[in-house]
Protein backbone atom coordinates (compact mmCIF):
# COMPACT_ATOMS: atom_id res chain seq x y z
CA MET A 1 52.39 -60.40 -107.24
CA LEU A 2 52.61 -62.11 -110.79
CA ASP A 3 49.76 -64.73 -110.42
CA LYS A 4 47.06 -62.65 -112.11
CA ALA A 5 49.17 -61.89 -115.16
CA ILE A 6 50.38 -65.42 -115.47
CA GLN A 7 46.96 -66.91 -115.02
CA HIS A 8 45.46 -64.50 -117.64
CA ALA A 9 48.27 -65.40 -120.15
CA LEU A 10 47.79 -69.16 -119.66
CA ARG A 11 43.97 -69.30 -119.39
CA PRO A 12 43.25 -69.96 -123.14
CA LEU A 13 45.63 -72.97 -122.99
CA MET A 14 44.37 -74.29 -119.74
CA THR A 15 40.85 -73.84 -120.78
CA GLN A 16 41.42 -75.86 -124.04
CA ALA A 17 43.39 -78.62 -122.08
CA ALA A 18 40.58 -78.73 -119.54
CA ARG A 19 37.96 -79.42 -122.28
CA GLY A 20 39.98 -82.33 -123.52
CA LEU A 21 40.26 -83.78 -120.03
CA VAL A 22 36.62 -83.30 -119.25
CA HIS A 23 35.84 -85.28 -122.49
CA LEU A 24 38.05 -88.07 -121.34
CA GLY A 25 36.03 -88.16 -118.07
CA ALA A 26 38.67 -86.66 -115.72
CA GLY A 27 37.36 -84.85 -112.76
CA ALA A 28 38.83 -81.68 -111.03
CA ASP A 29 39.34 -83.56 -107.59
CA ALA A 30 41.18 -86.55 -109.25
CA ILE A 31 43.54 -83.91 -111.05
CA SER A 32 44.23 -82.29 -107.44
CA PHE A 33 45.05 -85.47 -105.99
CA VAL A 34 47.30 -86.74 -109.04
CA GLY A 35 48.95 -83.38 -108.98
CA PHE A 36 49.70 -83.46 -105.23
CA ALA A 37 51.10 -86.98 -105.50
CA ILE A 38 53.48 -85.82 -108.30
CA GLY A 39 54.48 -83.01 -105.95
CA VAL A 40 55.21 -85.66 -103.17
CA LEU A 41 57.45 -87.47 -105.68
CA ALA A 42 59.26 -84.10 -106.53
CA ALA A 43 59.90 -83.68 -102.84
CA ALA A 44 61.20 -87.24 -102.50
CA ALA A 45 63.52 -86.73 -105.37
CA ILE A 46 64.86 -83.56 -104.02
CA ALA A 47 65.41 -85.24 -100.69
CA CYS A 48 67.52 -87.87 -102.51
CA GLN A 49 69.44 -85.09 -104.28
CA LEU A 50 67.90 -85.67 -107.63
CA TYR A 51 67.55 -81.94 -107.96
CA LEU A 52 66.71 -81.74 -111.76
CA THR A 53 64.19 -84.79 -111.63
CA GLY A 54 62.68 -83.03 -108.66
CA LEU A 55 62.23 -79.77 -110.72
CA ALA A 56 60.63 -81.57 -113.63
CA LEU A 57 58.18 -83.39 -111.28
CA LEU A 58 57.56 -80.02 -109.31
CA LEU A 59 56.60 -78.05 -112.59
CA LEU A 60 54.39 -81.11 -113.65
CA SER A 61 52.73 -81.02 -110.28
CA ARG A 62 51.94 -77.15 -110.69
CA LEU A 63 50.65 -77.78 -114.13
CA MET A 64 48.20 -80.15 -112.72
CA ASP A 65 47.22 -77.65 -110.01
CA GLY A 66 46.37 -75.30 -112.77
CA LEU A 67 44.47 -77.79 -114.64
CA ASP A 68 42.26 -78.81 -111.84
CA GLY A 69 40.77 -75.41 -111.48
CA ALA A 70 40.32 -75.13 -115.23
CA VAL A 71 38.47 -78.41 -115.21
CA ALA A 72 36.37 -77.34 -112.33
CA ARG A 73 35.34 -74.07 -114.20
CA ALA A 74 34.49 -76.21 -117.22
CA THR A 75 32.21 -78.40 -115.16
CA ALA A 76 30.84 -77.40 -111.80
CA PRO A 77 33.09 -75.80 -109.17
CA THR A 78 32.42 -76.95 -105.72
CA ASP A 79 33.33 -76.04 -102.16
CA ARG A 80 34.85 -79.39 -101.43
CA GLY A 81 37.09 -78.88 -104.61
CA GLY A 82 38.28 -75.43 -103.48
CA PHE A 83 39.03 -76.77 -99.98
CA LEU A 84 40.88 -79.80 -101.33
CA ASP A 85 42.91 -77.64 -103.78
CA ILE A 86 44.17 -75.19 -101.33
CA THR A 87 44.83 -77.81 -98.45
CA LEU A 88 47.00 -79.85 -100.75
CA ASP A 89 48.75 -76.77 -102.13
CA PHE A 90 49.83 -75.76 -98.70
CA VAL A 91 51.00 -79.17 -97.71
CA PHE A 92 53.04 -79.40 -101.11
CA TYR A 93 54.75 -75.93 -100.61
CA ALA A 94 55.90 -77.11 -97.04
CA SER A 95 57.16 -80.45 -98.47
CA ILE A 96 59.94 -78.75 -100.67
CA PRO A 97 61.98 -76.90 -97.92
CA LEU A 98 61.61 -79.96 -95.90
CA ALA A 99 63.02 -82.06 -98.70
CA PHE A 100 66.12 -79.72 -99.04
CA ALA A 101 66.65 -80.14 -95.40
CA LEU A 102 66.76 -83.81 -95.55
CA ALA A 103 68.95 -83.66 -98.66
CA ASP A 104 71.74 -81.94 -96.83
CA PRO A 105 70.68 -81.35 -93.01
CA ALA A 106 74.08 -79.65 -91.96
CA ALA A 107 73.80 -76.87 -94.54
CA ASN A 108 69.87 -76.54 -95.07
CA ALA A 109 67.98 -77.53 -92.04
CA LEU A 110 68.30 -73.98 -90.34
CA PRO A 111 67.37 -71.97 -93.61
CA ALA A 112 64.64 -74.58 -94.44
CA ALA A 113 63.01 -73.96 -90.89
CA VAL A 114 63.10 -70.36 -91.41
CA LEU A 115 61.50 -70.51 -94.76
CA LEU A 116 58.72 -72.78 -93.32
CA ALA A 117 58.11 -70.41 -90.49
CA SER A 118 57.68 -67.65 -93.05
CA PHE A 119 55.32 -69.80 -94.82
CA ILE A 120 53.23 -69.88 -91.69
CA GLY A 121 52.88 -66.15 -91.85
CA THR A 122 51.91 -65.96 -95.35
CA GLY A 123 49.59 -68.90 -95.24
CA SER A 124 47.89 -67.86 -91.89
CA SER A 125 47.28 -64.30 -93.25
CA PHE A 126 45.85 -65.59 -96.43
CA LEU A 127 43.48 -68.11 -94.92
CA ALA A 128 42.39 -65.76 -91.87
CA PHE A 129 41.35 -62.85 -94.34
CA ALA A 130 39.68 -65.51 -96.62
CA ALA A 131 37.58 -66.62 -93.59
CA VAL A 132 36.59 -63.19 -92.69
CA ALA A 133 36.01 -62.02 -96.18
CA GLU A 134 33.64 -64.92 -96.53
CA LYS A 135 31.84 -63.91 -93.44
CA ARG A 136 31.36 -60.46 -94.74
CA GLN A 137 30.67 -61.54 -98.08
CA LEU A 138 33.57 -59.67 -99.67
CA ASP A 139 34.47 -60.44 -103.41
CA SER A 140 37.84 -60.63 -104.86
CA LEU A 141 38.15 -58.40 -108.03
CA ALA A 142 41.62 -59.69 -108.84
CA PHE A 143 40.68 -63.45 -108.86
CA PRO A 144 36.84 -63.61 -108.98
CA ASP A 145 36.98 -67.35 -110.30
CA LYS A 146 38.55 -68.67 -106.96
CA SER A 147 36.59 -70.47 -104.38
CA PHE A 148 37.34 -67.82 -101.84
CA TYR A 149 38.98 -64.67 -101.39
CA PHE A 150 42.54 -64.59 -102.69
CA LEU A 151 44.68 -62.03 -100.98
CA GLY A 152 47.79 -61.22 -103.07
CA GLY A 153 51.36 -60.11 -102.01
CA LEU A 154 54.89 -60.26 -102.96
CA THR A 155 55.05 -63.92 -102.82
CA GLU A 156 52.20 -65.73 -104.50
CA ALA A 157 52.33 -69.00 -106.23
CA THR A 158 54.30 -67.84 -109.30
CA GLU A 159 57.09 -66.47 -107.17
CA THR A 160 57.12 -69.41 -104.84
CA ILE A 161 57.47 -71.76 -107.84
CA THR A 162 60.27 -69.67 -109.33
CA ALA A 163 62.18 -69.83 -105.99
CA PHE A 164 61.91 -73.55 -105.75
CA ALA A 165 63.13 -73.81 -109.45
CA ALA A 166 66.02 -71.65 -108.55
CA MET A 167 66.80 -73.91 -105.39
CA CYS A 168 66.57 -77.14 -107.74
CA LEU A 169 68.92 -75.48 -110.32
CA TRP A 170 71.53 -74.26 -107.88
CA PRO A 171 71.06 -76.36 -104.72
CA GLN A 172 74.38 -75.20 -103.46
CA TRP A 173 72.74 -71.80 -102.94
CA PHE A 174 69.68 -73.03 -100.97
CA PRO A 175 70.50 -71.36 -97.70
CA HIS A 176 70.82 -67.85 -99.37
CA LEU A 177 67.79 -68.38 -101.54
CA ALA A 178 65.65 -69.65 -98.64
CA TYR A 179 66.64 -66.77 -96.46
CA GLY A 180 66.06 -64.36 -99.25
CA PHE A 181 62.59 -65.78 -99.93
CA ALA A 182 61.77 -66.11 -96.49
CA ALA A 183 62.36 -62.19 -95.87
CA LEU A 184 60.06 -61.59 -99.07
CA CYS A 185 57.38 -63.72 -97.36
CA GLY A 186 57.74 -61.77 -94.02
CA ILE A 187 57.30 -58.66 -96.14
CA THR A 188 54.18 -60.19 -97.64
CA THR A 189 52.82 -61.10 -94.09
CA VAL A 190 53.28 -57.55 -92.85
CA LEU A 191 51.50 -56.00 -96.02
CA ARG A 192 48.64 -58.35 -95.59
CA LEU A 193 48.23 -57.61 -91.93
CA VAL A 194 48.27 -53.91 -92.57
CA TRP A 195 45.89 -54.13 -95.43
CA GLY A 196 43.66 -56.62 -93.66
CA TRP A 197 43.65 -54.39 -90.58
CA GLN A 198 42.62 -51.38 -92.58
CA ARG A 199 40.01 -53.33 -94.98
CA LEU A 200 38.21 -54.80 -92.10
CA ARG A 201 38.16 -51.82 -89.71
């Protein structure tokens, strides 16, 4: 829901940083892998109950995730890069609830499972529509620079990172935050199903 506004606000800074990285010879795919590795370290820190360390690494990982796209636009975006970016993103998003489950299985395992199940709904609706949109050659007016059609909703990347940050700051409230965010993901899935059903009729 907030991704478009956040990306618009950060674009000048990201573009400037991307130019510096390109000058240093950094490639978009390499930045994607580094960002994912940092995300894995964030999940490991959370699993060890080092929540503030996990939060810092998580935010750094998402910064790298924004930079890889900026570097790609500053050079030559590729389908391979788009595929790599979204695949690593989805694995990263799944790793954080799993990390909280490992940190405190008794309290967090069930809410983490519910949250991961809700991610299946948002992820599958997102990717399924993107595949059909590509087949029909539909363009995304909201995110024209993306490698494929980005279908929005209540729970996009900005909202997900905000929820993860809240979980790291108040880990004792993880079950409540997980159930609440899972409900929002469920609403997003339903909205996407209804919108996609009508759009592709």
